[in-house]
Amino acid sequence: MKNGTIVTLVMINGAEIIGKLVKDDFTKITLYRPRMVQASQQGVGLVNGVCMTGKEPEGDFDFNKTGVMFMIETIKELADGWTSQTSGIALPPKGIVG
């Protein structure tokens, strides 16, 4: 996968993490401003960080590959949500052309 792609890491405990891929090497995957995915009755949302109670990473964060089941490109709707949340830029809804 190319650096700069918004990806989802599925961890061995089932948690999902979304972030911008910075680096993928033999031992770790580095994401920029990762966010944990949280499902609720209202839908899917992003937690400001990688866990419910920890401080939000402000830049790059390393994930040890021994804790990652797989990495896949994030669907557009959630990738757009990550971009909006981490940059403050609101993206137009699907189907609207500026």
Foldseek 3Di string as FASTA:
>chain_A
DDFQFWKWWQWPVRKIKTFGWHDDDDWKTKGFQIWIWDQDPVGIDTDQDDDNPDDGDHTIDIDTCVGTPDMDGDDPVVVQVVCCVNPVDHDDPPPDDD
